Every structure is written in C-alpha cells, then in structure tokens.
Amino acid sequence: MSAPGKTVFYFAVYLVILGLTLLISPNTLLGLFGIPVTTEGWIRVVGMLVLFLGFYYYMAAKADLIPFFRWSVGARSMVIVFFTVFVLLKLAPPALVLFGVIDLFGAFWTWWTLKKSGLL
C-alpha cells in the first residue's frame, strides 16, 4: 500500500468506528460533543451511510486507487466548509465543526503524501 493509500486506510478506520458508533450507540457520541440526544432513526441512517463510506475508503486504500485518493482530497476538504456554514446558520451545534477538522486534517495528509510521492 502506498503512503497515500495508508492515509486513506486510516481515514477508513475512523469512518468505520464513527459509523458503528452512530449505529449502535448514537446518543453516547452525541452526548460527548454536547449535541442533543435523539430517539429518531435518522442518526442510525447517517451511521449506516458513514459505515458504507468507510467500506469504500477501505477498498480504495486496499486497491491503491490513486485517482480516488485525489478525488477524496477535494471532497473531504469541503466538509469543514459545509459544517461551518451549518453552525453559522444555527442549523447544527458548534461541536460539528470538530468532525470537519478531522476530515480537513485527513484530506491534507492525503494531499501531502500524494504530492510527496509525485502522484499529484
């Protein structure tokens, strides 16, 4: 697995853990970040989607799909923009930005390894 592949693999692990947590015990995670607990099913739907994204990232890392790594940098970089706008519009609690920071860090790490490897 290439260096960029490893960054995507570690991001996949994060997504799988996050997805499973949202599926199994969503209110534990929400409570940790001061987000109001919910009894609605939507949070588990989000967990399922995050888990599936984690699977795609894992498979892309395993196959060393360099084009996917490049595409993911832009998409993951935009997460913080959307989350920040949601918070500024009071559609989401400020803690949501922390998840955007993780995505931004992961995107930068992948970009950096792609650049360093001459794959950009």
N, C-alpha and C. Protein backbone atom coordinates (compact mmCIF):
# COMPACT_ATOMS: atom_id res chain seq x y z
N MET A 1 0.85 -1.18 0.00
CA MET A 1 0.00 0.00 0.00
C MET A 1 0.90 1.24 0.00
N SER A 2 0.57 2.17 -0.87
CA SER A 2 1.35 3.41 -0.97
C SER A 2 1.12 4.29 0.26
N ALA A 3 1.96 5.31 0.41
CA ALA A 3 1.79 6.26 1.52
C ALA A 3 0.42 6.94 1.46
N PRO A 4 -0.02 7.42 0.29
CA PRO A 4 -1.37 7.99 0.24
C PRO A 4 -2.44 6.95 0.58
N GLY A 5 -2.23 5.72 0.17
CA GLY A 5 -3.16 4.64 0.49
C GLY A 5 -3.29 4.43 1.98
N LYS A 6 -2.18 4.54 2.67
CA LYS A 6 -2.22 4.38 4.14
C LYS A 6 -3.05 5.49 4.79
N THR A 7 -2.95 6.71 4.27
CA THR A 7 -3.74 7.80 4.86
C THR A 7 -5.23 7.54 4.65
N VAL A 8 -5.57 7.02 3.49
CA VAL A 8 -6.97 6.71 3.20
C VAL A 8 -7.43 5.51 4.03
N PHE A 9 -6.54 4.55 4.24
CA PHE A 9 -6.87 3.40 5.09
C PHE A 9 -7.20 3.87 6.51
N TYR A 10 -6.36 4.74 7.07
CA TYR A 10 -6.61 5.23 8.43
C TYR A 10 -7.90 6.06 8.50
N PHE A 11 -8.19 6.79 7.43
CA PHE A 11 -9.44 7.53 7.39
C PHE A 11 -10.62 6.55 7.34
N ALA A 12 -10.45 5.45 6.62
CA ALA A 12 -11.49 4.42 6.56
C ALA A 12 -11.75 3.84 7.95
N VAL A 13 -10.70 3.59 8.70
CA VAL A 13 -10.86 3.07 10.06
C VAL A 13 -11.66 4.05 10.91
N TYR A 14 -11.33 5.33 10.82
CA TYR A 14 -12.09 6.38 11.54
C TYR A 14 -13.56 6.34 11.13
N LEU A 15 -13.84 6.25 9.83
CA LEU A 15 -15.22 6.23 9.36
C LEU A 15 -15.97 5.00 9.85
N VAL A 16 -15.32 3.86 9.84
CA VAL A 16 -15.97 2.63 10.30
C VAL A 16 -16.30 2.74 11.78
N ILE A 17 -15.36 3.23 12.58
CA ILE A 17 -15.62 3.39 14.01
C ILE A 17 -16.75 4.38 14.24
N LEU A 18 -16.71 5.50 13.54
CA LEU A 18 -17.76 6.51 13.67
C LEU A 18 -19.11 5.94 13.23
N GLY A 19 -19.14 5.25 12.10
CA GLY A 19 -20.37 4.67 11.59
C GLY A 19 -20.96 3.65 12.55
N LEU A 20 -20.12 2.76 13.08
CA LEU A 20 -20.60 1.75 14.03
C LEU A 20 -21.13 2.40 15.30
N THR A 21 -20.45 3.43 15.76
CA THR A 21 -20.90 4.13 16.96
C THR A 21 -22.27 4.76 16.73
N LEU A 22 -22.44 5.39 15.58
CA LEU A 22 -23.74 6.01 15.27
C LEU A 22 -24.84 4.96 15.08
N LEU A 23 -24.48 3.78 14.66
CA LEU A 23 -25.46 2.71 14.52
C LEU A 23 -25.84 2.08 15.86
N ILE A 24 -24.83 1.84 16.69
CA ILE A 24 -25.03 1.07 17.92
C ILE A 24 -25.40 1.93 19.12
N SER A 25 -24.69 3.05 19.28
CA SER A 25 -24.91 3.88 20.47
C SER A 25 -24.78 5.36 20.11
N PRO A 26 -25.67 5.86 19.27
CA PRO A 26 -25.51 7.22 18.77
C PRO A 26 -25.55 8.30 19.86
N ASN A 27 -26.38 8.10 20.87
CA ASN A 27 -26.50 9.13 21.89
C ASN A 27 -25.27 9.26 22.78
N THR A 28 -24.48 8.19 22.86
CA THR A 28 -23.20 8.28 23.58
C THR A 28 -22.29 9.29 22.88
N LEU A 29 -22.19 9.14 21.57
CA LEU A 29 -21.34 10.06 20.80
C LEU A 29 -21.90 11.48 20.83
N LEU A 30 -23.20 11.60 20.61
CA LEU A 30 -23.81 12.93 20.61
C LEU A 30 -23.60 13.62 21.94
N GLY A 31 -23.78 12.89 23.03
CA GLY A 31 -23.59 13.46 24.37
C GLY A 31 -22.17 13.93 24.61
N LEU A 32 -21.18 13.20 24.10
CA LEU A 32 -19.78 13.59 24.27
C LEU A 32 -19.48 14.95 23.66
N PHE A 33 -20.22 15.30 22.61
CA PHE A 33 -19.97 16.55 21.91
C PHE A 33 -21.03 17.61 22.20
N GLY A 34 -21.86 17.35 23.21
CA GLY A 34 -22.86 18.33 23.60
C GLY A 34 -23.97 18.50 22.58
N ILE A 35 -24.15 17.50 21.75
CA ILE A 35 -25.21 17.53 20.75
C ILE A 35 -26.43 16.86 21.39
N PRO A 36 -27.61 17.46 21.27
CA PRO A 36 -28.79 16.88 21.91
C PRO A 36 -29.04 15.44 21.47
N VAL A 37 -29.41 14.60 22.42
CA VAL A 37 -29.69 13.20 22.12
C VAL A 37 -30.96 13.10 21.28
N THR A 38 -31.11 11.98 20.62
CA THR A 38 -32.27 11.80 19.75
C THR A 38 -32.80 10.37 19.87
N THR A 39 -34.06 10.22 19.62
CA THR A 39 -34.66 8.89 19.55
C THR A 39 -35.11 8.60 18.12
N GLU A 40 -34.85 9.54 17.24
CA GLU A 40 -35.24 9.37 15.83
C GLU A 40 -34.26 8.44 15.11
N GLY A 41 -34.75 7.78 14.09
CA GLY A 41 -33.94 6.82 13.35
C GLY A 41 -32.92 7.44 12.41
N TRP A 42 -33.04 8.74 12.13
CA TRP A 42 -32.15 9.37 11.14
C TRP A 42 -30.68 9.24 11.52
N ILE A 43 -30.37 9.26 12.80
CA ILE A 43 -28.95 9.21 13.21
C ILE A 43 -28.36 7.85 12.87
N ARG A 44 -29.17 6.81 12.94
CA ARG A 44 -28.68 5.48 12.57
C ARG A 44 -28.54 5.35 11.05
N VAL A 45 -29.39 6.05 10.31
CA VAL A 45 -29.24 6.09 8.85
C VAL A 45 -27.91 6.75 8.50
N VAL A 46 -27.59 7.85 9.20
CA VAL A 46 -26.30 8.51 8.99
C VAL A 46 -25.17 7.55 9.33
N GLY A 47 -25.32 6.80 10.43
CA GLY A 47 -24.31 5.82 10.81
C GLY A 47 -24.09 4.78 9.73
N MET A 48 -25.18 4.29 9.14
CA MET A 48 -25.08 3.32 8.06
C MET A 48 -24.32 3.91 6.87
N LEU A 49 -24.67 5.15 6.50
CA LEU A 49 -24.00 5.80 5.37
C LEU A 49 -22.52 6.01 5.64
N VAL A 50 -22.18 6.43 6.85
CA VAL A 50 -20.77 6.62 7.21
C VAL A 50 -20.04 5.28 7.18
N LEU A 51 -20.68 4.22 7.67
CA LEU A 51 -20.09 2.89 7.63
C LEU A 51 -19.83 2.45 6.19
N PHE A 52 -20.79 2.69 5.30
CA PHE A 52 -20.60 2.35 3.89
C PHE A 52 -19.48 3.17 3.27
N LEU A 53 -19.41 4.46 3.61
CA LEU A 53 -18.29 5.28 3.11
C LEU A 53 -16.96 4.71 3.60
N GLY A 54 -16.92 4.30 4.85
CA GLY A 54 -15.71 3.68 5.40
C GLY A 54 -15.31 2.44 4.60
N PHE A 55 -16.31 1.64 4.21
CA PHE A 55 -16.04 0.47 3.38
C PHE A 55 -15.43 0.88 2.04
N TYR A 56 -16.00 1.90 1.39
CA TYR A 56 -15.46 2.37 0.11
C TYR A 56 -14.02 2.88 0.27
N TYR A 57 -13.78 3.63 1.31
CA TYR A 57 -12.42 4.14 1.55
C TYR A 57 -11.46 2.98 1.80
N TYR A 58 -11.91 1.98 2.57
CA TYR A 58 -11.06 0.82 2.84
C TYR A 58 -10.71 0.09 1.54
N MET A 59 -11.72 -0.16 0.72
CA MET A 59 -11.49 -0.88 -0.53
C MET A 59 -10.59 -0.08 -1.48
N ALA A 60 -10.78 1.24 -1.52
CA ALA A 60 -9.93 2.09 -2.36
C ALA A 60 -8.49 2.05 -1.86
N ALA A 61 -8.31 2.08 -0.55
CA ALA A 61 -6.95 2.02 0.01
C ALA A 61 -6.31 0.69 -0.30
N LYS A 62 -7.07 -0.37 -0.12
CA LYS A 62 -6.56 -1.73 -0.38
C LYS A 62 -6.15 -1.90 -1.84
N ALA A 63 -6.93 -1.30 -2.76
CA ALA A 63 -6.64 -1.40 -4.19
C ALA A 63 -5.65 -0.33 -4.66
N ASP A 64 -5.27 0.57 -3.75
CA ASP A 64 -4.35 1.67 -4.05
C ASP A 64 -4.85 2.50 -5.23
N LEU A 65 -6.10 2.92 -5.16
CA LEU A 65 -6.74 3.69 -6.23
C LEU A 65 -6.36 5.17 -6.14
N ILE A 66 -5.26 5.50 -6.74
CA ILE A 66 -4.73 6.87 -6.68
C ILE A 66 -5.75 7.90 -7.15
N PRO A 67 -6.48 7.68 -8.26
CA PRO A 67 -7.48 8.69 -8.65
C PRO A 67 -8.51 8.94 -7.54
N PHE A 68 -8.95 7.88 -6.86
CA PHE A 68 -9.89 8.05 -5.75
C PHE A 68 -9.28 8.91 -4.65
N PHE A 69 -8.01 8.68 -4.35
CA PHE A 69 -7.34 9.47 -3.31
C PHE A 69 -7.37 10.95 -3.68
N ARG A 70 -7.08 11.23 -4.95
CA ARG A 70 -7.10 12.63 -5.41
C ARG A 70 -8.51 13.22 -5.27
N TRP A 71 -9.53 12.48 -5.69
CA TRP A 71 -10.92 12.97 -5.59
C TRP A 71 -11.30 13.22 -4.14
N SER A 72 -10.83 12.34 -3.27
CA SER A 72 -11.24 12.45 -1.86
C SER A 72 -10.68 13.70 -1.19
N VAL A 73 -9.55 14.18 -1.65
CA VAL A 73 -8.95 15.37 -1.05
C VAL A 73 -9.90 16.56 -1.16
N GLY A 74 -10.43 16.80 -2.34
CA GLY A 74 -11.35 17.91 -2.52
C GLY A 74 -12.63 17.75 -1.72
N ALA A 75 -13.21 16.55 -1.78
CA ALA A 75 -14.47 16.31 -1.07
C ALA A 75 -14.29 16.44 0.44
N ARG A 76 -13.25 15.83 0.98
CA ARG A 76 -13.03 15.89 2.43
C ARG A 76 -12.67 17.30 2.88
N SER A 77 -12.04 18.08 2.02
CA SER A 77 -11.72 19.47 2.36
C SER A 77 -12.97 20.33 2.46
N MET A 78 -14.00 19.97 1.74
CA MET A 78 -15.23 20.76 1.74
C MET A 78 -16.12 20.48 2.95
N VAL A 79 -15.90 19.39 3.63
CA VAL A 79 -16.74 19.04 4.78
C VAL A 79 -16.72 20.16 5.82
N ILE A 80 -15.54 20.69 6.11
CA ILE A 80 -15.46 21.74 7.13
C ILE A 80 -16.21 23.00 6.68
N VAL A 81 -16.21 23.28 5.39
CA VAL A 81 -16.94 24.44 4.87
C VAL A 81 -18.44 24.26 5.14
N PHE A 82 -18.97 23.12 4.75
CA PHE A 82 -20.40 22.86 4.97
C PHE A 82 -20.76 22.86 6.46
N PHE A 83 -19.94 22.17 7.26
CA PHE A 83 -20.24 22.11 8.70
C PHE A 83 -20.19 23.49 9.34
N THR A 84 -19.23 24.31 8.92
CA THR A 84 -19.13 25.67 9.46
C THR A 84 -20.35 26.50 9.06
N VAL A 85 -20.78 26.38 7.83
CA VAL A 85 -21.98 27.10 7.39
C VAL A 85 -23.20 26.63 8.18
N PHE A 86 -23.33 25.32 8.39
CA PHE A 86 -24.45 24.81 9.18
C PHE A 86 -24.46 25.42 10.58
N VAL A 87 -23.28 25.52 11.17
CA VAL A 87 -23.18 26.09 12.52
C VAL A 87 -23.51 27.58 12.49
N LEU A 88 -22.96 28.31 11.53
CA LEU A 88 -23.23 29.76 11.43
C LEU A 88 -24.70 30.05 11.19
N LEU A 89 -25.38 29.18 10.47
CA LEU A 89 -26.82 29.35 10.23
C LEU A 89 -27.67 28.79 11.37
N LYS A 90 -26.98 28.31 12.42
CA LYS A 90 -27.65 27.74 13.59
C LYS A 90 -28.49 26.51 13.24
N LEU A 91 -28.02 25.77 12.27
CA LEU A 91 -28.67 24.52 11.89
C LEU A 91 -28.03 23.33 12.59
N ALA A 92 -26.87 23.57 13.22
CA ALA A 92 -26.14 22.50 13.90
C ALA A 92 -25.34 23.11 15.05
N PRO A 93 -25.03 22.29 16.06
CA PRO A 93 -24.23 22.79 17.18
C PRO A 93 -22.76 22.96 16.78
N PRO A 94 -22.06 23.87 17.46
CA PRO A 94 -20.65 24.14 17.13
C PRO A 94 -19.75 22.91 17.15
N ALA A 95 -20.07 21.92 17.96
CA ALA A 95 -19.23 20.72 18.04
C ALA A 95 -19.09 20.02 16.69
N LEU A 96 -20.03 20.24 15.79
CA LEU A 96 -19.97 19.59 14.47
C LEU A 96 -18.70 19.99 13.71
N VAL A 97 -18.22 21.19 13.96
CA VAL A 97 -17.01 21.66 13.27
C VAL A 97 -15.81 20.77 13.60
N LEU A 98 -15.79 20.16 14.78
CA LEU A 98 -14.69 19.26 15.14
C LEU A 98 -14.57 18.09 14.16
N PHE A 99 -15.72 17.57 13.72
CA PHE A 99 -15.69 16.49 12.74
C PHE A 99 -15.15 17.00 11.40
N GLY A 100 -15.47 18.23 11.07
CA GLY A 100 -14.93 18.84 9.86
C GLY A 100 -13.42 19.00 9.93
N VAL A 101 -12.91 19.32 11.11
CA VAL A 101 -11.47 19.47 11.29
C VAL A 101 -10.77 18.13 11.04
N ILE A 102 -11.38 17.05 11.52
CA ILE A 102 -10.79 15.71 11.29
C ILE A 102 -10.74 15.41 9.79
N ASP A 103 -11.83 15.71 9.08
CA ASP A 103 -11.84 15.50 7.63
C ASP A 103 -10.78 16.35 6.93
N LEU A 104 -10.67 17.61 7.35
CA LEU A 104 -9.69 18.51 6.74
C LEU A 104 -8.28 18.02 6.99
N PHE A 105 -7.99 17.59 8.21
CA PHE A 105 -6.67 17.05 8.52
C PHE A 105 -6.37 15.83 7.65
N GLY A 106 -7.35 14.92 7.54
CA GLY A 106 -7.17 13.72 6.72
C GLY A 106 -6.94 14.08 5.26
N ALA A 107 -7.70 15.04 4.75
CA ALA A 107 -7.53 15.47 3.36
C ALA A 107 -6.14 16.06 3.13
N PHE A 108 -5.70 16.90 4.06
CA PHE A 108 -4.38 17.50 3.92
C PHE A 108 -3.30 16.43 3.95
N TRP A 109 -3.43 15.46 4.85
CA TRP A 109 -2.44 14.39 4.97
C TRP A 109 -2.38 13.59 3.66
N THR A 110 -3.53 13.27 3.09
CA THR A 110 -3.55 12.54 1.82
C THR A 110 -2.93 13.39 0.71
N TRP A 111 -3.31 14.66 0.64
CA TRP A 111 -2.75 15.57 -0.37
C TRP A 111 -1.23 15.63 -0.24
N TRP A 112 -0.73 15.78 0.97
CA TRP A 112 0.70 15.90 1.22
C TRP A 112 1.44 14.65 0.78
N THR A 113 0.88 13.47 1.09
CA THR A 113 1.56 12.24 0.69
C THR A 113 1.49 12.03 -0.83
N LEU A 114 0.38 12.46 -1.45
CA LEU A 114 0.31 12.39 -2.91
C LEU A 114 1.37 13.27 -3.54
N LYS A 115 1.49 14.49 -3.03
CA LYS A 115 2.47 15.45 -3.55
C LYS A 115 3.89 14.92 -3.34
N LYS A 116 4.16 14.45 -2.13
CA LYS A 116 5.48 13.95 -1.79
C LYS A 116 5.86 12.73 -2.64
N SER A 117 4.86 11.93 -3.01
CA SER A 117 5.09 10.74 -3.82
C SER A 117 5.12 11.04 -5.32
N GLY A 118 4.89 12.31 -5.70
CA GLY A 118 4.87 12.68 -7.10
C GLY A 118 3.62 12.21 -7.84
N LEU A 119 2.53 12.00 -7.10
CA LEU A 119 1.30 11.47 -7.69
C LEU A 119 0.24 12.53 -7.91
N LEU A 120 0.56 13.78 -7.65
CA LEU A 120 -0.39 14.86 -7.89
C LEU A 120 -0.17 15.46 -9.25
